[in-house]
Every structure is written in structure tokens, then in C-alpha cells.
Amino acid sequence: MTTGDGPELAAMDAHGFQVPRLLRAAEVLCADGRVLRGRVFLPAAAESHPGAMRAEEWMNDPASFVPFLPDGEGRPVILNKQQITVVTVAASADHDEAMDETGAPVRRVRVECGALRLEGDVLVDMPANHSRILDLLNRPGAFLNVREGERHHLVSKSRITRVSEPAPDAPRPKP
């Protein structure tokens, strides 16, 4: 098993069963305030599209627990998704070619989780009659993908305390 940022494959071994996984750099903000830096294990193949599973799909999967390899440690730990506030990954770990091709509408949002504030774009890939931010927040899936340049913040909807849309002419924060 390797721990670089590249497309290396890892395999989780449970009783001799090998599942191909891609290791991707991530930062996890836990509900108790701890910040964990390391790697997440994304499935090398997705069920609904060609290529690897995207980080957003992985976090919105119904499984309650996910493996995580902390930097500097040789063995993964298991994290409870209900105790995660935000998982931040490189945009490349969450790239969706189909969404890029369809040109889904993008909306700018400010998301607050207590004292934590994030600003970025969300894709509104829903029918026109369900294209409000409220509709996006109420759709199935436990995590909201807030895209901030080359980083994607997968924010636990259960930890969100407030969401607002900045005025269209408001300056964007510098990266």
C-alpha cells in the first residue's frame, strides 16, 4: 500500500477478498474539532459511470463508516460519517465529466457549520422546478459539495447551521 497523492491502487483485504481502491489526499474536520490529514480510499470503479467513484458519491453512499489512512500512520482507521463535519479533497478526486458536459447551473453559497464558514459554488443538477438551494439541501445525500477552486468541501448537511447566497456582485474571496 502506498500513501502518495497519485493514482496508486490500494487493496483492502478482508478474508482474502481484494477491493481495488484509489488513495486520495484528504483533510477531515471532525465534529469535535480535530483535523485529520491523510488519505481516503475511493473505489477504483463506480457503478453508475465509467472510472473511479467520485469523493462526493463515496461520502453520500449509505455506509455509516469509512476507512481513512492518517498521514504518518501505517494502518487505516475507521471514521464514523456522523462525526465528520467536512471532508476536503482536491477537485481532481471529485471530477465529474458528465456534469461538466451538461453544464449544470452553478450557484454561489456561504455555508456555516457553527463558527466554520465556507464559501464556494454548488452544482444544481436538478429539474428547474427544484432548483433552489433549499431543494438542493433537502435532497437525499448526507453531504453537500461546496466547490472552492481546486478544493471540494464535502459538508455534512446535519452539521450545517446556516446557508446563504451572497449578492451576485459580491467579490469572491481570494484562494
C-alpha atoms as a PDB file:
ATOM      1  CA  MET A   1       0.000   0.000   0.000  1.00  0.00           C
ATOM      2  CA  THR A   2       1.324   3.451  -0.857  1.00  0.00           C
ATOM      3  CA  THR A   3       0.401   6.861   0.525  1.00  0.00           C
ATOM      4  CA  GLY A   4       1.160   9.340  -2.270  1.00  0.00           C
ATOM      5  CA  ASP A   5      -1.265  11.684  -3.976  1.00  0.00           C
ATOM      6  CA  GLY A   6      -1.068   9.891  -7.331  1.00  0.00           C
ATOM      7  CA  PRO A   7      -3.480   7.353  -8.762  1.00  0.00           C
ATOM      8  CA  GLU A   8      -1.953   4.428  -6.924  1.00  0.00           C
ATOM      9  CA  LEU A   9      -4.131   1.479  -6.118  1.00  0.00           C
ATOM     10  CA  ALA A  10      -4.588   0.038  -2.667  1.00  0.00           C
ATOM     11  CA  ALA A  11      -6.464  -3.081  -1.685  1.00  0.00           C
ATOM     12  CA  MET A  12      -8.455  -3.611   1.462  1.00  0.00           C
ATOM     13  CA  ASP A  13      -8.021  -7.245   2.449  1.00  0.00           C
ATOM     14  CA  ALA A  14     -10.876  -8.831   4.364  1.00  0.00           C
ATOM     15  CA  HIS A  15     -10.571 -12.602   4.494  1.00  0.00           C
ATOM     16  CA  GLY A  16      -8.672 -12.704   1.196  1.00  0.00           C
ATOM     17  CA  PHE A  17     -11.145 -10.520  -0.729  1.00  0.00           C
ATOM     18  CA  GLN A  18      -9.415  -7.732  -2.649  1.00  0.00           C
ATOM     19  CA  VAL A  19     -11.259  -4.498  -3.482  1.00  0.00           C
ATOM     20  CA  PRO A  20      -9.298  -2.093  -5.733  1.00  0.00           C
ATOM     21  CA  ARG A  21      -9.179   1.385  -4.230  1.00  0.00           C
ATOM     22  CA  LEU A  22      -7.537   4.691  -5.150  1.00  0.00           C
ATOM     23  CA  LEU A  23      -5.824   6.634  -2.394  1.00  0.00           C
ATOM     24  CA  ARG A  24      -6.621  10.359  -2.461  1.00  0.00           C
ATOM     25  CA  ALA A  25      -5.305  13.092  -0.175  1.00  0.00           C
ATOM     26  CA  ALA A  26      -7.944  14.488   2.171  1.00  0.00           C
ATOM     27  CA  GLU A  27      -8.400  16.645   5.224  1.00  0.00           C
ATOM     28  CA  VAL A  28     -11.168  15.681   7.648  1.00  0.00           C
ATOM     29  CA  LEU A  29     -12.663  18.122  10.158  1.00  0.00           C
ATOM     30  CA  CYS A  30     -14.309  16.075  12.885  1.00  0.00           C
ATOM     31  CA  ALA A  31     -17.341  17.195  14.883  1.00  0.00           C
ATOM     32  CA  ASP A  32     -15.149  17.525  17.994  1.00  0.00           C
ATOM     33  CA  GLY A  33     -12.833  19.989  16.203  1.00  0.00           C
ATOM     34  CA  ARG A  34      -9.966  17.605  15.438  1.00  0.00           C
ATOM     35  CA  VAL A  35      -8.412  17.911  11.982  1.00  0.00           C
ATOM     36  CA  LEU A  36      -7.090  14.730  10.389  1.00  0.00           C
ATOM     37  CA  ARG A  37      -4.849  14.797   7.333  1.00  0.00           C
ATOM     38  CA  GLY A  38      -4.271  11.689   5.291  1.00  0.00           C
ATOM     39  CA  ARG A  39      -5.790   9.603   2.520  1.00  0.00           C
ATOM     40  CA  VAL A  40      -9.257   8.327   1.690  1.00  0.00           C
ATOM     41  CA  PHE A  41      -9.872   5.061  -0.161  1.00  0.00           C
ATOM     42  CA  LEU A  42     -12.093   5.702  -3.193  1.00  0.00           C
ATOM     43  CA  PRO A  43     -13.375   2.675  -5.118  1.00  0.00           C
ATOM     44  CA  ALA A  44     -11.453   2.333  -8.405  1.00  0.00           C
ATOM     45  CA  ALA A  45     -14.701   1.641 -10.284  1.00  0.00           C
ATOM     46  CA  ALA A  46     -18.085   3.327  -9.951  1.00  0.00           C
ATOM     47  CA  GLU A  47     -21.374   1.532 -10.547  1.00  0.00           C
ATOM     48  CA  SER A  48     -23.155   4.396 -12.320  1.00  0.00           C
ATOM     49  CA  HIS A  49     -20.452   5.751 -14.646  1.00  0.00           C
ATOM     50  CA  PRO A  50     -17.064   4.877 -16.158  1.00  0.00           C
ATOM     51  CA  GLY A  51     -13.998   5.479 -13.991  1.00  0.00           C
ATOM     52  CA  ALA A  52     -13.445   5.779 -10.268  1.00  0.00           C
ATOM     53  CA  MET A  53     -16.111   6.722  -7.771  1.00  0.00           C
ATOM     54  CA  ARG A  54     -16.078  10.455  -7.011  1.00  0.00           C
ATOM     55  CA  ALA A  55     -15.447  11.634  -3.456  1.00  0.00           C
ATOM     56  CA  GLU A  56     -18.949  13.148  -3.291  1.00  0.00           C
ATOM     57  CA  GLU A  57     -20.526   9.824  -4.298  1.00  0.00           C
ATOM     58  CA  TRP A  58     -18.373   7.991  -1.761  1.00  0.00           C
ATOM     59  CA  MET A  59     -19.392  10.262   1.114  1.00  0.00           C
ATOM     60  CA  ASN A  60     -23.066  10.111   0.095  1.00  0.00           C
ATOM     61  CA  ASP A  61     -23.018   6.319  -0.056  1.00  0.00           C
ATOM     62  CA  PRO A  62     -25.310   4.880   2.662  1.00  0.00           C
ATOM     63  CA  ALA A  63     -22.424   3.196   4.528  1.00  0.00           C
ATOM     64  CA  SER A  64     -22.022   4.682   8.024  1.00  0.00           C
ATOM     65  CA  PHE A  65     -18.277   4.126   8.360  1.00  0.00           C
ATOM     66  CA  VAL A  66     -15.341   4.835   6.033  1.00  0.00           C
ATOM     67  CA  PRO A  67     -11.661   3.898   6.136  1.00  0.00           C
ATOM     68  CA  PHE A  68      -9.077   6.688   6.416  1.00  0.00           C
ATOM     69  CA  LEU A  69      -5.268   6.459   6.411  1.00  0.00           C
ATOM     70  CA  PRO A  70      -3.843   9.252   8.613  1.00  0.00           C
ATOM     71  CA  ASP A  71      -0.551  10.787   7.474  1.00  0.00           C
ATOM     72  CA  GLY A  72       2.388   9.172   9.231  1.00  0.00           C
ATOM     73  CA  GLU A  73       0.491   6.041  10.227  1.00  0.00           C
ATOM     74  CA  GLY A  74       0.871   2.676   8.548  1.00  0.00           C
ATOM     75  CA  ARG A  75      -2.630   1.389   9.149  1.00  0.00           C
ATOM     76  CA  PRO A  76      -6.034   2.853   8.335  1.00  0.00           C
ATOM     77  CA  VAL A  77      -8.579   3.865  10.947  1.00  0.00           C
ATOM     78  CA  ILE A  78     -12.341   3.762  10.560  1.00  0.00           C
ATOM     79  CA  LEU A  79     -14.308   7.007  10.786  1.00  0.00           C
ATOM     80  CA  ASN A  80     -17.989   7.393  11.601  1.00  0.00           C
ATOM     81  CA  LYS A  81     -19.570   9.665   8.950  1.00  0.00           C
ATOM     82  CA  GLN A  82     -21.941  11.100  11.569  1.00  0.00           C
ATOM     83  CA  GLN A  83     -18.904  12.511  13.397  1.00  0.00           C
ATOM     84  CA  ILE A  84     -17.477  14.230  10.303  1.00  0.00           C
ATOM     85  CA  THR A  85     -18.192  17.912   9.665  1.00  0.00           C
ATOM     86  CA  VAL A  86     -16.205  18.428   6.438  1.00  0.00           C
ATOM     87  CA  VAL A  87     -14.010  16.314   4.178  1.00  0.00           C
ATOM     88  CA  THR A  88     -11.853  18.412   1.850  1.00  0.00           C
ATOM     89  CA  VAL A  89     -10.358  16.796  -1.249  1.00  0.00           C
ATOM     90  CA  ALA A  90      -8.667  18.015  -4.411  1.00  0.00           C
ATOM     91  CA  ALA A  91     -11.144  18.828  -7.165  1.00  0.00           C
ATOM     92  CA  SER A  92      -9.492  16.098  -9.259  1.00  0.00           C
ATOM     93  CA  ALA A  93     -10.701  13.458  -6.761  1.00  0.00           C
ATOM     94  CA  ASP A  94     -14.257  14.620  -7.383  1.00  0.00           C
ATOM     95  CA  HIS A  95     -14.218  15.341 -11.124  1.00  0.00           C
ATOM     96  CA  ASP A  96     -17.494  14.639 -12.940  1.00  0.00           C
ATOM     97  CA  GLU A  97     -17.123  14.753 -16.745  1.00  0.00           C
ATOM     98  CA  ALA A  98     -20.842  14.155 -17.318  1.00  0.00           C
ATOM     99  CA  MET A  99     -21.736  17.172 -15.172  1.00  0.00           C
ATOM    100  CA  ASP A 100     -19.148  19.312 -16.969  1.00  0.00           C
ATOM    101  CA  GLU A 101     -20.632  18.332 -20.333  1.00  0.00           C
ATOM    102  CA  THR A 102     -24.246  19.062 -19.355  1.00  0.00           C
ATOM    103  CA  GLY A 103     -23.381  22.498 -17.979  1.00  0.00           C
ATOM    104  CA  ALA A 104     -25.474  22.183 -14.814  1.00  0.00           C
ATOM    105  CA  PRO A 105     -26.281  25.549 -13.211  1.00  0.00           C
ATOM    106  CA  VAL A 106     -23.856  26.713 -10.530  1.00  0.00           C
ATOM    107  CA  ARG A 107     -24.871  28.802  -7.521  1.00  0.00           C
ATOM    108  CA  ARG A 108     -22.588  30.654  -5.104  1.00  0.00           C
ATOM    109  CA  VAL A 109     -23.233  29.889  -1.416  1.00  0.00           C
ATOM    110  CA  ARG A 110     -21.914  30.627   2.055  1.00  0.00           C
ATOM    111  CA  VAL A 111     -22.198  27.627   4.337  1.00  0.00           C
ATOM    112  CA  GLU A 112     -21.836  27.826   8.109  1.00  0.00           C
ATOM    113  CA  CYS A 113     -21.302  24.939  10.491  1.00  0.00           C
ATOM    114  CA  GLY A 114     -21.227  26.738  13.815  1.00  0.00           C
ATOM    115  CA  ALA A 115     -18.154  29.004  13.682  1.00  0.00           C
ATOM    116  CA  LEU A 116     -16.822  27.394  10.483  1.00  0.00           C
ATOM    117  CA  ARG A 117     -17.611  29.368   7.334  1.00  0.00           C
ATOM    118  CA  LEU A 118     -17.067  28.140   3.778  1.00  0.00           C
ATOM    119  CA  GLU A 119     -17.863  29.903   0.533  1.00  0.00           C
ATOM    120  CA  GLY A 120     -17.964  28.281  -2.863  1.00  0.00           C
ATOM    121  CA  ASP A 121     -20.118  27.006  -5.685  1.00  0.00           C
ATOM    122  CA  VAL A 122     -22.668  24.218  -5.679  1.00  0.00           C
ATOM    123  CA  LEU A 123     -23.975  22.429  -8.747  1.00  0.00           C
ATOM    124  CA  VAL A 124     -27.744  22.486  -9.015  1.00  0.00           C
ATOM    125  CA  ASP A 125     -28.253  19.373 -11.131  1.00  0.00           C
ATOM    126  CA  MET A 126     -31.981  19.217 -10.534  1.00  0.00           C
ATOM    127  CA  PRO A 127     -35.152  19.998 -12.517  1.00  0.00           C
ATOM    128  CA  ALA A 128     -35.938  23.706 -12.919  1.00  0.00           C
ATOM    129  CA  ASN A 129     -38.879  23.473 -10.510  1.00  0.00           C
ATOM    130  CA  HIS A 130     -36.481  22.176  -7.805  1.00  0.00           C
ATOM    131  CA  SER A 131     -33.515  24.455  -8.388  1.00  0.00           C
ATOM    132  CA  ARG A 132     -33.494  26.437  -5.151  1.00  0.00           C
ATOM    133  CA  ILE A 133     -30.671  25.991  -2.660  1.00  0.00           C
ATOM    134  CA  LEU A 134     -33.327  24.765  -0.225  1.00  0.00           C
ATOM    135  CA  ASP A 135     -34.234  21.980  -2.668  1.00  0.00           C
ATOM    136  CA  LEU A 136     -30.570  21.016  -3.000  1.00  0.00           C
ATOM    137  CA  LEU A 137     -30.145  20.846   0.779  1.00  0.00           C
ATOM    138  CA  ASN A 138     -33.290  18.736   1.188  1.00  0.00           C
ATOM    139  CA  ARG A 139     -32.438  16.188  -1.498  1.00  0.00           C
ATOM    140  CA  PRO A 140     -31.127  12.770  -0.451  1.00  0.00           C
ATOM    141  CA  GLY A 141     -27.463  12.512   0.464  1.00  0.00           C
ATOM    142  CA  ALA A 142     -25.773  13.371   3.732  1.00  0.00           C
ATOM    143  CA  PHE A 143     -23.076  15.681   2.290  1.00  0.00           C
ATOM    144  CA  LEU A 144     -23.210  18.906   0.263  1.00  0.00           C
ATOM    145  CA  ASN A 145     -20.357  19.512  -2.190  1.00  0.00           C
ATOM    146  CA  VAL A 146     -19.104  23.111  -1.906  1.00  0.00           C
ATOM    147  CA  ARG A 147     -16.570  23.710  -4.688  1.00  0.00           C
ATOM    148  CA  GLU A 148     -13.869  26.236  -3.917  1.00  0.00           C
ATOM    149  CA  GLY A 149     -11.422  26.404  -6.818  1.00  0.00           C
ATOM    150  CA  GLU A 150      -9.167  23.360  -6.738  1.00  0.00           C
ATOM    151  CA  ARG A 151     -10.710  22.077  -3.496  1.00  0.00           C
ATOM    152  CA  HIS A 152     -14.054  20.464  -2.862  1.00  0.00           C
ATOM    153  CA  HIS A 153     -15.514  20.612   0.633  1.00  0.00           C
ATOM    154  CA  LEU A 154     -17.943  17.777   1.344  1.00  0.00           C
ATOM    155  CA  VAL A 155     -20.005  19.294   4.156  1.00  0.00           C
ATOM    156  CA  SER A 156     -22.217  17.180   6.401  1.00  0.00           C
ATOM    157  CA  LYS A 157     -25.743  18.511   5.975  1.00  0.00           C
ATOM    158  CA  SER A 158     -26.547  17.563   9.580  1.00  0.00           C
ATOM    159  CA  ARG A 159     -23.788  19.952  10.779  1.00  0.00           C
ATOM    160  CA  ILE A 160     -24.898  22.929   8.646  1.00  0.00           C
ATOM    161  CA  THR A 161     -26.394  25.723  10.751  1.00  0.00           C
ATOM    162  CA  ARG A 162     -26.921  28.337   8.035  1.00  0.00           C
ATOM    163  CA  VAL A 163     -26.663  28.732   4.249  1.00  0.00           C
ATOM    164  CA  SER A 164     -26.929  31.996   2.353  1.00  0.00           C
ATOM    165  CA  GLU A 165     -26.406  33.187  -1.194  1.00  0.00           C
ATOM    166  CA  PRO A 166     -24.104  36.207  -1.488  1.00  0.00           C
ATOM    167  CA  ALA A 167     -25.230  39.097  -3.657  1.00  0.00           C
ATOM    168  CA  PRO A 168     -24.335  38.462  -7.337  1.00  0.00           C
ATOM    169  CA  ASP A 169     -21.935  41.431  -7.376  1.00  0.00           C
ATOM    170  CA  ALA A 170     -20.185  40.478  -4.104  1.00  0.00           C
ATOM    171  CA  PRO A 171     -16.440  39.944  -4.562  1.00  0.00           C
ATOM    172  CA  ARG A 172     -15.240  36.348  -4.363  1.00  0.00           C
ATOM    173  CA  PRO A 173     -12.693  35.609  -1.627  1.00  0.00           C
ATOM    174  CA  LYS A 174      -9.149  35.066  -2.860  1.00  0.00           C
ATOM    175  CA  PRO A 175      -7.833  31.476  -2.645  1.00  0.00           C
END
